[in-house]
Amino acid sequence: MIASPYGFRKSPITSDLVVADSIRLEQAALDGDAIYWTETQPQKQGRTFVYRIGADGEPERVTPDDASFCVGSHIAVSAPTPPFLG
């Protein structure tokens, strides 16, 4: 075992490894009985998807696999506009 000064030990666990499969839950909105939210998924090239839970209680993705949804200082939707933005 090689001794290293305090704070300089190399770790096999990197920050990239820790966040590689982390799904980031972001904006949430209500529309009648439906709850919408966005998820950013690193395993899908960092795309952001809109999900909803309807009256049946089952989550479903609103945006297709090849689309991405983002809201920042502007709104950009590369799929049909979700009802809560309409």
PDB file of N, CA and C in Angstrom:
ATOM      1  N   MET A   1       0.849  -1.174   0.000  1.00  0.00           N
ATOM      2  CA  MET A   1       0.000   0.000   0.000  1.00  0.00           C
ATOM      3  C   MET A   1       0.894   1.236   0.000  1.00  0.00           C
ATOM      4  N   ILE A   2       0.570   2.192  -0.856  1.00  0.00           N
ATOM      5  CA  ILE A   2       1.345   3.421  -0.953  1.00  0.00           C
ATOM      6  C   ILE A   2       0.692   4.475  -0.069  1.00  0.00           C
ATOM      7  N   ALA A   3       1.504   5.100   0.765  1.00  0.00           N
ATOM      8  CA  ALA A   3       0.995   6.157   1.642  1.00  0.00           C
ATOM      9  C   ALA A   3       0.940   7.469   0.873  1.00  0.00           C
ATOM     10  N   SER A   4      -0.153   8.205   1.045  1.00  0.00           N
ATOM     11  CA  SER A   4      -0.333   9.507   0.401  1.00  0.00           C
ATOM     12  C   SER A   4      -0.630  10.538   1.473  1.00  0.00           C
ATOM     13  N   PRO A   5      -0.229  11.785   1.226  1.00  0.00           N
ATOM     14  CA  PRO A   5      -0.579  12.840   2.184  1.00  0.00           C
ATOM     15  C   PRO A   5      -2.095  12.972   2.294  1.00  0.00           C
ATOM     16  N   TYR A   6      -2.548  13.460   3.437  1.00  0.00           N
ATOM     17  CA  TYR A   6      -3.975  13.636   3.682  1.00  0.00           C
ATOM     18  C   TYR A   6      -4.617  14.439   2.550  1.00  0.00           C
ATOM     19  N   GLY A   7      -5.720  13.930   1.989  1.00  0.00           N
ATOM     20  CA  GLY A   7      -6.452  14.619   0.942  1.00  0.00           C
ATOM     21  C   GLY A   7      -5.961  14.342  -0.467  1.00  0.00           C
ATOM     22  N   PHE A   8      -4.926  13.543  -0.640  1.00  0.00           N
ATOM     23  CA  PHE A   8      -4.370  13.296  -1.971  1.00  0.00           C
ATOM     24  C   PHE A   8      -4.520  11.849  -2.428  1.00  0.00           C
ATOM     25  N   ARG A   9      -5.260  11.056  -1.704  1.00  0.00           N
ATOM     26  CA  ARG A   9      -5.438   9.657  -2.075  1.00  0.00           C
ATOM     27  C   ARG A   9      -6.312   9.562  -3.323  1.00  0.00           C
ATOM     28  N   LYS A  10      -5.895   8.774  -4.277  1.00  0.00           N
ATOM     29  CA  LYS A  10      -6.679   8.534  -5.497  1.00  0.00           C
ATOM     30  C   LYS A  10      -7.817   7.584  -5.161  1.00  0.00           C
ATOM     31  N   SER A  11      -9.006   7.926  -5.605  1.00  0.00           N
ATOM     32  CA  SER A  11     -10.170   7.086  -5.354  1.00  0.00           C
ATOM     33  C   SER A  11     -10.644   6.482  -6.670  1.00  0.00           C
ATOM     34  N   PRO A  12     -11.054   5.231  -6.640  1.00  0.00           N
ATOM     35  CA  PRO A  12     -11.619   4.627  -7.846  1.00  0.00           C
ATOM     36  C   PRO A  12     -13.035   5.155  -8.140  1.00  0.00           C
ATOM     37  N   ILE A  13     -13.619   5.859  -7.187  1.00  0.00           N
ATOM     38  CA  ILE A  13     -14.963   6.408  -7.357  1.00  0.00           C
ATOM     39  C   ILE A  13     -14.839   7.867  -7.788  1.00  0.00           C
ATOM     40  N   THR A  14     -15.228   8.157  -9.023  1.00  0.00           N
ATOM     41  CA  THR A  14     -15.147   9.521  -9.548  1.00  0.00           C
ATOM     42  C   THR A  14     -16.526  10.182  -9.501  1.00  0.00           C
ATOM     43  N   SER A  15     -16.545  11.490  -9.611  1.00  0.00           N
ATOM     44  CA  SER A  15     -17.836  12.194  -9.631  1.00  0.00           C
ATOM     45  C   SER A  15     -18.645  11.792 -10.862  1.00  0.00           C
ATOM     46  N   ASP A  16     -17.976  11.538 -11.980  1.00  0.00           N
ATOM     47  CA  ASP A  16     -18.685  11.085 -13.191  1.00  0.00           C
ATOM     48  C   ASP A  16     -19.383   9.745 -12.950  1.00  0.00           C
ATOM     49  N   LEU A  17     -18.726   8.866 -12.220  1.00  0.00           N
ATOM     50  CA  LEU A  17     -19.310   7.560 -11.912  1.00  0.00           C
ATOM     51  C   LEU A  17     -20.530   7.715 -11.005  1.00  0.00           C
ATOM     52  N   VAL A  18     -20.449   8.617 -10.055  1.00  0.00           N
ATOM     53  CA  VAL A  18     -21.548   8.829  -9.107  1.00  0.00           C
ATOM     54  C   VAL A  18     -22.798   9.367  -9.800  1.00  0.00           C
ATOM     55  N   VAL A  19     -22.645  10.311 -10.723  1.00  0.00           N
ATOM     56  CA  VAL A  19     -23.808  10.941 -11.357  1.00  0.00           C
ATOM     57  C   VAL A  19     -24.193  10.333 -12.704  1.00  0.00           C
ATOM     58  N   ALA A  20     -23.494   9.315 -13.155  1.00  0.00           N
ATOM     59  CA  ALA A  20     -23.728   8.753 -14.489  1.00  0.00           C
ATOM     60  C   ALA A  20     -25.171   8.299 -14.708  1.00  0.00           C
ATOM     61  N   ASP A  21     -25.801   7.737 -13.717  1.00  0.00           N
ATOM     62  CA  ASP A  21     -27.170   7.238 -13.878  1.00  0.00           C
ATOM     63  C   ASP A  21     -28.172   8.012 -13.029  1.00  0.00           C
ATOM     64  N   SER A  22     -27.781   9.193 -12.568  1.00  0.00           N
ATOM     65  CA  SER A  22     -28.685   9.990 -11.732  1.00  0.00           C
ATOM     66  C   SER A  22     -29.728  10.685 -12.588  1.00  0.00           C
ATOM     67  N   ILE A  23     -30.978  10.492 -12.237  1.00  0.00           N
ATOM     68  CA  ILE A  23     -32.067  11.180 -12.928  1.00  0.00           C
ATOM     69  C   ILE A  23     -32.410  12.416 -12.111  1.00  0.00           C
ATOM     70  N   ARG A  24     -32.416  13.548 -12.779  1.00  0.00           N
ATOM     71  CA  ARG A  24     -32.676  14.818 -12.109  1.00  0.00           C
ATOM     72  C   ARG A  24     -34.148  15.194 -12.290  1.00  0.00           C
ATOM     73  N   LEU A  25     -34.878  15.250 -11.178  1.00  0.00           N
ATOM     74  CA  LEU A  25     -36.274  15.666 -11.209  1.00  0.00           C
ATOM     75  C   LEU A  25     -36.315  17.171 -11.087  1.00  0.00           C
ATOM     76  N   GLU A  26     -37.093  17.803 -11.950  1.00  0.00           N
ATOM     77  CA  GLU A  26     -37.094  19.253 -11.971  1.00  0.00           C
ATOM     78  C   GLU A  26     -38.503  19.805 -11.833  1.00  0.00           C
ATOM     79  N   GLN A  27     -38.975  20.529 -12.791  1.00  0.00           N
ATOM     80  CA  GLN A  27     -40.221  21.274 -12.699  1.00  0.00           C
ATOM     81  C   GLN A  27     -41.427  20.356 -12.545  1.00  0.00           C
ATOM     82  N   ALA A  28     -42.379  20.798 -11.741  1.00  0.00           N
ATOM     83  CA  ALA A  28     -43.628  20.070 -11.565  1.00  0.00           C
ATOM     84  C   ALA A  28     -44.785  21.037 -11.795  1.00  0.00           C
ATOM     85  N   ALA A  29     -45.897  20.517 -12.324  1.00  0.00           N
ATOM     86  CA  ALA A  29     -47.077  21.344 -12.580  1.00  0.00           C
ATOM     87  C   ALA A  29     -48.316  20.469 -12.488  1.00  0.00           C
ATOM     88  N   LEU A  30     -49.421  21.089 -12.125  1.00  0.00           N
ATOM     89  CA  LEU A  30     -50.708  20.408 -12.059  1.00  0.00           C
ATOM     90  C   LEU A  30     -51.581  20.879 -13.207  1.00  0.00           C
ATOM     91  N   ASP A  31     -52.334  19.942 -13.794  1.00  0.00           N
ATOM     92  CA  ASP A  31     -53.291  20.275 -14.849  1.00  0.00           C
ATOM     93  C   ASP A  31     -54.510  19.386 -14.634  1.00  0.00           C
ATOM     94  N   GLY A  32     -55.508  19.909 -13.925  1.00  0.00           N
ATOM     95  CA  GLY A  32     -56.667  19.097 -13.579  1.00  0.00           C
ATOM     96  C   GLY A  32     -56.248  17.980 -12.644  1.00  0.00           C
ATOM     97  N   ASP A  33     -56.536  16.740 -13.034  1.00  0.00           N
ATOM     98  CA  ASP A  33     -56.166  15.582 -12.221  1.00  0.00           C
ATOM     99  C   ASP A  33     -54.757  15.076 -12.521  1.00  0.00           C
ATOM    100  N   ALA A  34     -54.088  15.664 -13.494  1.00  0.00           N
ATOM    101  CA  ALA A  34     -52.763  15.182 -13.903  1.00  0.00           C
ATOM    102  C   ALA A  34     -51.652  15.992 -13.227  1.00  0.00           C
ATOM    103  N   ILE A  35     -50.586  15.292 -12.886  1.00  0.00           N
ATOM    104  CA  ILE A  35     -49.371  15.911 -12.363  1.00  0.00           C
ATOM    105  C   ILE A  35     -48.299  15.719 -13.426  1.00  0.00           C
ATOM    106  N   TYR A  36     -47.642  16.796 -13.832  1.00  0.00           N
ATOM    107  CA  TYR A  36     -46.554  16.756 -14.813  1.00  0.00           C
ATOM    108  C   TYR A  36     -45.247  17.108 -14.124  1.00  0.00           C
ATOM    109  N   TRP A  37     -44.148  16.548 -14.586  1.00  0.00           N
ATOM    110  CA  TRP A  37     -42.828  16.921 -14.110  1.00  0.00           C
ATOM    111  C   TRP A  37     -41.819  16.630 -15.205  1.00  0.00           C
ATOM    112  N   THR A  38     -40.622  17.218 -15.051  1.00  0.00           N
ATOM    113  CA  THR A  38     -39.558  16.952 -16.020  1.00  0.00           C
ATOM    114  C   THR A  38     -38.447  16.157 -15.348  1.00  0.00           C
ATOM    115  N   GLU A  39     -37.808  15.307 -16.132  1.00  0.00           N
ATOM    116  CA  GLU A  39     -36.664  14.513 -15.688  1.00  0.00           C
ATOM    117  C   GLU A  39     -35.542  14.683 -16.700  1.00  0.00           C
ATOM    118  N   THR A  40     -34.354  15.009 -16.227  1.00  0.00           N
ATOM    119  CA  THR A  40     -33.164  15.027 -17.075  1.00  0.00           C
ATOM    120  C   THR A  40     -32.444  13.704 -16.856  1.00  0.00           C
ATOM    121  N   GLN A  41     -32.168  12.994 -17.951  1.00  0.00           N
ATOM    122  CA  GLN A  41     -31.617  11.650 -17.870  1.00  0.00           C
ATOM    123  C   GLN A  41     -30.266  11.562 -18.576  1.00  0.00           C
ATOM    124  N   PRO A  42     -29.163  11.468 -17.796  1.00  0.00           N
ATOM    125  CA  PRO A  42     -27.832  11.378 -18.400  1.00  0.00           C
ATOM    126  C   PRO A  42     -27.674  10.186 -19.329  1.00  0.00           C
ATOM    127  N   GLN A  43     -28.319   9.069 -19.023  1.00  0.00           N
ATOM    128  CA  GLN A  43     -28.185   7.877 -19.860  1.00  0.00           C
ATOM    129  C   GLN A  43     -28.858   8.043 -21.224  1.00  0.00           C
ATOM    130  N   LYS A  44     -29.617   9.123 -21.397  1.00  0.00           N
ATOM    131  CA  LYS A  44     -30.241   9.449 -22.690  1.00  0.00           C
ATOM    132  C   LYS A  44     -29.613  10.723 -23.249  1.00  0.00           C
ATOM    133  N   GLN A  45     -28.298  10.837 -23.151  1.00  0.00           N
ATOM    134  CA  GLN A  45     -27.520  11.983 -23.639  1.00  0.00           C
ATOM    135  C   GLN A  45     -27.956  13.294 -22.985  1.00  0.00           C
ATOM    136  N   GLY A  46     -28.402  13.224 -21.737  1.00  0.00           N
ATOM    137  CA  GLY A  46     -28.758  14.427 -20.997  1.00  0.00           C
ATOM    138  C   GLY A  46     -30.065  15.067 -21.416  1.00  0.00           C
ATOM    139  N   ARG A  47     -30.879  14.359 -22.179  1.00  0.00           N
ATOM    140  CA  ARG A  47     -32.156  14.935 -22.612  1.00  0.00           C
ATOM    141  C   ARG A  47     -33.113  15.061 -21.441  1.00  0.00           C
ATOM    142  N   THR A  48     -34.021  16.022 -21.571  1.00  0.00           N
ATOM    143  CA  THR A  48     -35.045  16.246 -20.559  1.00  0.00           C
ATOM    144  C   THR A  48     -36.390  15.805 -21.117  1.00  0.00           C
ATOM    145  N   PHE A  49     -37.097  15.004 -20.349  1.00  0.00           N
ATOM    146  CA  PHE A  49     -38.392  14.458 -20.763  1.00  0.00           C
ATOM    147  C   PHE A  49     -39.487  14.939 -19.826  1.00  0.00           C
ATOM    148  N   VAL A  50     -40.692  15.070 -20.362  1.00  0.00           N
ATOM    149  CA  VAL A  50     -41.865  15.420 -19.566  1.00  0.00           C
ATOM    150  C   VAL A  50     -42.610  14.123 -19.255  1.00  0.00           C
ATOM    151  N   TYR A  51     -42.961  13.960 -17.989  1.00  0.00           N
ATOM    152  CA  TYR A  51     -43.758  12.816 -17.535  1.00  0.00           C
ATOM    153  C   TYR A  51     -45.046  13.325 -16.922  1.00  0.00           C
ATOM    154  N   ARG A  52     -46.030  12.436 -16.820  1.00  0.00           N
ATOM    155  CA  ARG A  52     -47.269  12.797 -16.129  1.00  0.00           C
ATOM    156  C   ARG A  52     -47.840  11.574 -15.418  1.00  0.00           C
ATOM    157  N   ILE A  53     -48.596  11.866 -14.393  1.00  0.00           N
ATOM    158  CA  ILE A  53     -49.394  10.849 -13.716  1.00  0.00           C
ATOM    159  C   ILE A  53     -50.828  11.319 -13.828  1.00  0.00           C
ATOM    160  N   GLY A  54     -51.664  10.483 -14.400  1.00  0.00           N
ATOM    161  CA  GLY A  54     -53.073  10.823 -14.558  1.00  0.00           C
ATOM    162  C   GLY A  54     -53.906  10.225 -13.443  1.00  0.00           C
ATOM    163  N   ALA A  55     -55.191  10.183 -13.649  1.00  0.00           N
ATOM    164  CA  ALA A  55     -56.131   9.696 -12.648  1.00  0.00           C
ATOM    165  C   ALA A  55     -55.887   8.224 -12.291  1.00  0.00           C
ATOM    166  N   ASP A  56     -55.318   7.446 -13.239  1.00  0.00           N
ATOM    167  CA  ASP A  56     -55.075   6.027 -12.968  1.00  0.00           C
ATOM    168  C   ASP A  56     -53.860   5.795 -12.067  1.00  0.00           C
ATOM    169  N   GLY A  57     -53.058   6.848 -11.820  1.00  0.00           N
ATOM    170  CA  GLY A  57     -51.911   6.743 -10.920  1.00  0.00           C
ATOM    171  C   GLY A  57     -50.645   6.182 -11.533  1.00  0.00           C
ATOM    172  N   GLU A  58     -50.676   5.874 -12.817  1.00  0.00           N
ATOM    173  CA  GLU A  58     -49.505   5.312 -13.493  1.00  0.00           C
ATOM    174  C   GLU A  58     -48.719   6.421 -14.207  1.00  0.00           C
ATOM    175  N   PRO A  59     -47.391   6.497 -13.979  1.00  0.00           N
ATOM    176  CA  PRO A  59     -46.603   7.503 -14.701  1.00  0.00           C
ATOM    177  C   PRO A  59     -46.417   7.117 -16.165  1.00  0.00           C
ATOM    178  N   GLU A  60     -46.417   8.129 -17.031  1.00  0.00           N
ATOM    179  CA  GLU A  60     -46.144   7.888 -18.447  1.00  0.00           C
ATOM    180  C   GLU A  60     -45.334   9.061 -18.996  1.00  0.00           C
ATOM    181  N   ARG A  61     -44.452   8.755 -19.924  1.00  0.00           N
ATOM    182  CA  ARG A  61     -43.645   9.798 -20.542  1.00  0.00           C
ATOM    183  C   ARG A  61     -44.463  10.472 -21.632  1.00  0.00           C
ATOM    184  N   VAL A  62     -44.483  11.805 -21.627  1.00  0.00           N
ATOM    185  CA  VAL A  62     -45.231  12.586 -22.607  1.00  0.00           C
ATOM    186  C   VAL A  62     -44.376  12.831 -23.845  1.00  0.00           C
ATOM    187  N   THR A  63     -43.103  13.138 -23.667  1.00  0.00           N
ATOM    188  CA  THR A  63     -42.211  13.398 -24.801  1.00  0.00           C
ATOM    189  C   THR A  63     -41.648  12.081 -25.323  1.00  0.00           C
ATOM    190  N   PRO A  64     -41.536  11.929 -26.639  1.00  0.00           N
ATOM    191  CA  PRO A  64     -40.981  10.694 -27.211  1.00  0.00           C
ATOM    192  C   PRO A  64     -39.471  10.593 -26.977  1.00  0.00           C
ATOM    193  N   ASP A  65     -38.939   9.386 -27.231  1.00  0.00           N
ATOM    194  CA  ASP A  65     -37.509   9.114 -27.011  1.00  0.00           C
ATOM    195  C   ASP A  65     -36.589  10.064 -27.771  1.00  0.00           C
ATOM    196  N   ASP A  66     -36.985  10.467 -28.973  1.00  0.00           N
ATOM    197  CA  ASP A  66     -36.101  11.278 -29.804  1.00  0.00           C
ATOM    198  C   ASP A  66     -36.315  12.775 -29.605  1.00  0.00           C
ATOM    199  N   ALA A  67     -37.071  13.165 -28.586  1.00  0.00           N
ATOM    200  CA  ALA A  67     -37.336  14.583 -28.334  1.00  0.00           C
ATOM    201  C   ALA A  67     -36.682  15.002 -27.023  1.00  0.00           C
ATOM    202  N   SER A  68     -36.629  16.289 -26.819  1.00  0.00           N
ATOM    203  CA  SER A  68     -36.114  16.838 -25.576  1.00  0.00           C
ATOM    204  C   SER A  68     -36.928  18.071 -25.248  1.00  0.00           C
ATOM    205  N   PHE A  69     -37.088  18.330 -23.981  1.00  0.00           N
ATOM    206  CA  PHE A  69     -37.879  19.456 -23.495  1.00  0.00           C
ATOM    207  C   PHE A  69     -36.989  20.274 -22.590  1.00  0.00           C
ATOM    208  N   CYS A  70     -36.958  21.577 -22.764  1.00  0.00           N
ATOM    209  CA  CYS A  70     -36.158  22.397 -21.852  1.00  0.00           C
ATOM    210  C   CYS A  70     -36.839  23.737 -21.613  1.00  0.00           C
ATOM    211  N   VAL A  71     -36.673  24.241 -20.398  1.00  0.00           N
ATOM    212  CA  VAL A  71     -37.186  25.556 -20.031  1.00  0.00           C
ATOM    213  C   VAL A  71     -36.055  26.276 -19.324  1.00  0.00           C
ATOM    214  N   GLY A  72     -35.743  27.440 -19.812  1.00  0.00           N
ATOM    215  CA  GLY A  72     -34.723  28.271 -19.192  1.00  0.00           C
ATOM    216  C   GLY A  72     -35.203  29.691 -19.271  1.00  0.00           C
ATOM    217  N   SER A  73     -34.385  30.571 -19.817  1.00  0.00           N
ATOM    218  CA  SER A  73     -34.832  31.936 -20.030  1.00  0.00           C
ATOM    219  C   SER A  73     -35.800  31.994 -21.211  1.00  0.00           C
ATOM    220  N   HIS A  74     -35.910  30.866 -21.915  1.00  0.00           N
ATOM    221  CA  HIS A  74     -36.860  30.735 -23.025  1.00  0.00           C
ATOM    222  C   HIS A  74     -37.473  29.346 -22.943  1.00  0.00           C
ATOM    223  N   ILE A  75     -38.496  29.096 -23.698  1.00  0.00           N
ATOM    224  CA  ILE A  75     -39.123  27.779 -23.716  1.00  0.00           C
ATOM    225  C   ILE A  75     -38.868  27.160 -25.079  1.00  0.00           C
ATOM    226  N   ALA A  76     -38.389  25.926 -25.068  1.00  0.00           N
ATOM    227  CA  ALA A  76     -38.175  25.195 -26.316  1.00  0.00           C
ATOM    228  C   ALA A  76     -38.732  23.803 -26.147  1.00  0.00           C
ATOM    229  N   VAL A  77     -39.648  23.422 -26.989  1.00  0.00           N
ATOM    230  CA  VAL A  77     -40.238  22.098 -26.945  1.00  0.00           C
ATOM    231  C   VAL A  77     -40.079  21.485 -28.324  1.00  0.00           C
ATOM    232  N   SER A  78     -39.389  20.344 -28.384  1.00  0.00           N
ATOM    233  CA  SER A  78     -39.222  19.689 -29.690  1.00  0.00           C
ATOM    234  C   SER A  78     -40.202  18.521 -29.810  1.00  0.00           C
ATOM    235  N   ALA A  79     -41.366  18.677 -29.241  1.00  0.00           N
ATOM    236  CA  ALA A  79     -42.445  17.684 -29.323  1.00  0.00           C
ATOM    237  C   ALA A  79     -43.747  18.474 -29.137  1.00  0.00           C
ATOM    238  N   PRO A  80     -44.893  17.819 -29.213  1.00  0.00           N
ATOM    239  CA  PRO A  80     -46.134  18.557 -28.980  1.00  0.00           C
ATOM    240  C   PRO A  80     -46.116  19.253 -27.621  1.00  0.00           C
ATOM    241  N   THR A  81     -46.656  20.454 -27.563  1.00  0.00           N
ATOM    242  CA  THR A  81     -46.625  21.244 -26.336  1.00  0.00           C
ATOM    243  C   THR A  81     -47.486  20.593 -25.252  1.00  0.00           C
ATOM    244  N   PRO A  82     -46.893  20.372 -24.059  1.00  0.00           N
ATOM    245  CA  PRO A  82     -47.692  19.828 -22.960  1.00  0.00           C
ATOM    246  C   PRO A  82     -48.821  20.776 -22.592  1.00  0.00           C
ATOM    247  N   PRO A  83     -49.947  20.265 -22.116  1.00  0.00           N
ATOM    248  CA  PRO A  83     -51.116  21.102 -21.831  1.00  0.00           C
ATOM    249  C   PRO A  83     -50.821  22.226 -20.839  1.00  0.00           C
ATOM    250  N   PHE A  84     -49.937  21.997 -19.871  1.00  0.00           N
ATOM    251  CA  PHE A  84     -49.699  23.035 -18.873  1.00  0.00           C
ATOM    252  C   PHE A  84     -48.895  24.213 -19.411  1.00  0.00           C
ATOM    253  N   LEU A  85     -48.384  24.126 -20.658  1.00  0.00           N
ATOM    254  CA  LEU A  85     -47.706  25.262 -21.279  1.00  0.00           C
ATOM    255  C   LEU A  85     -48.580  25.936 -22.322  1.00  0.00           C
ATOM    256  N   GLY A  86     -49.700  25.306 -22.664  1.00  0.00           N
ATOM    257  CA  GLY A  86     -50.551  25.779 -23.735  1.00  0.00           C
ATOM    258  C   GLY A  86     -51.358  26.995 -23.425  1.00  0.00           C
TER     259      GLY A  86
END
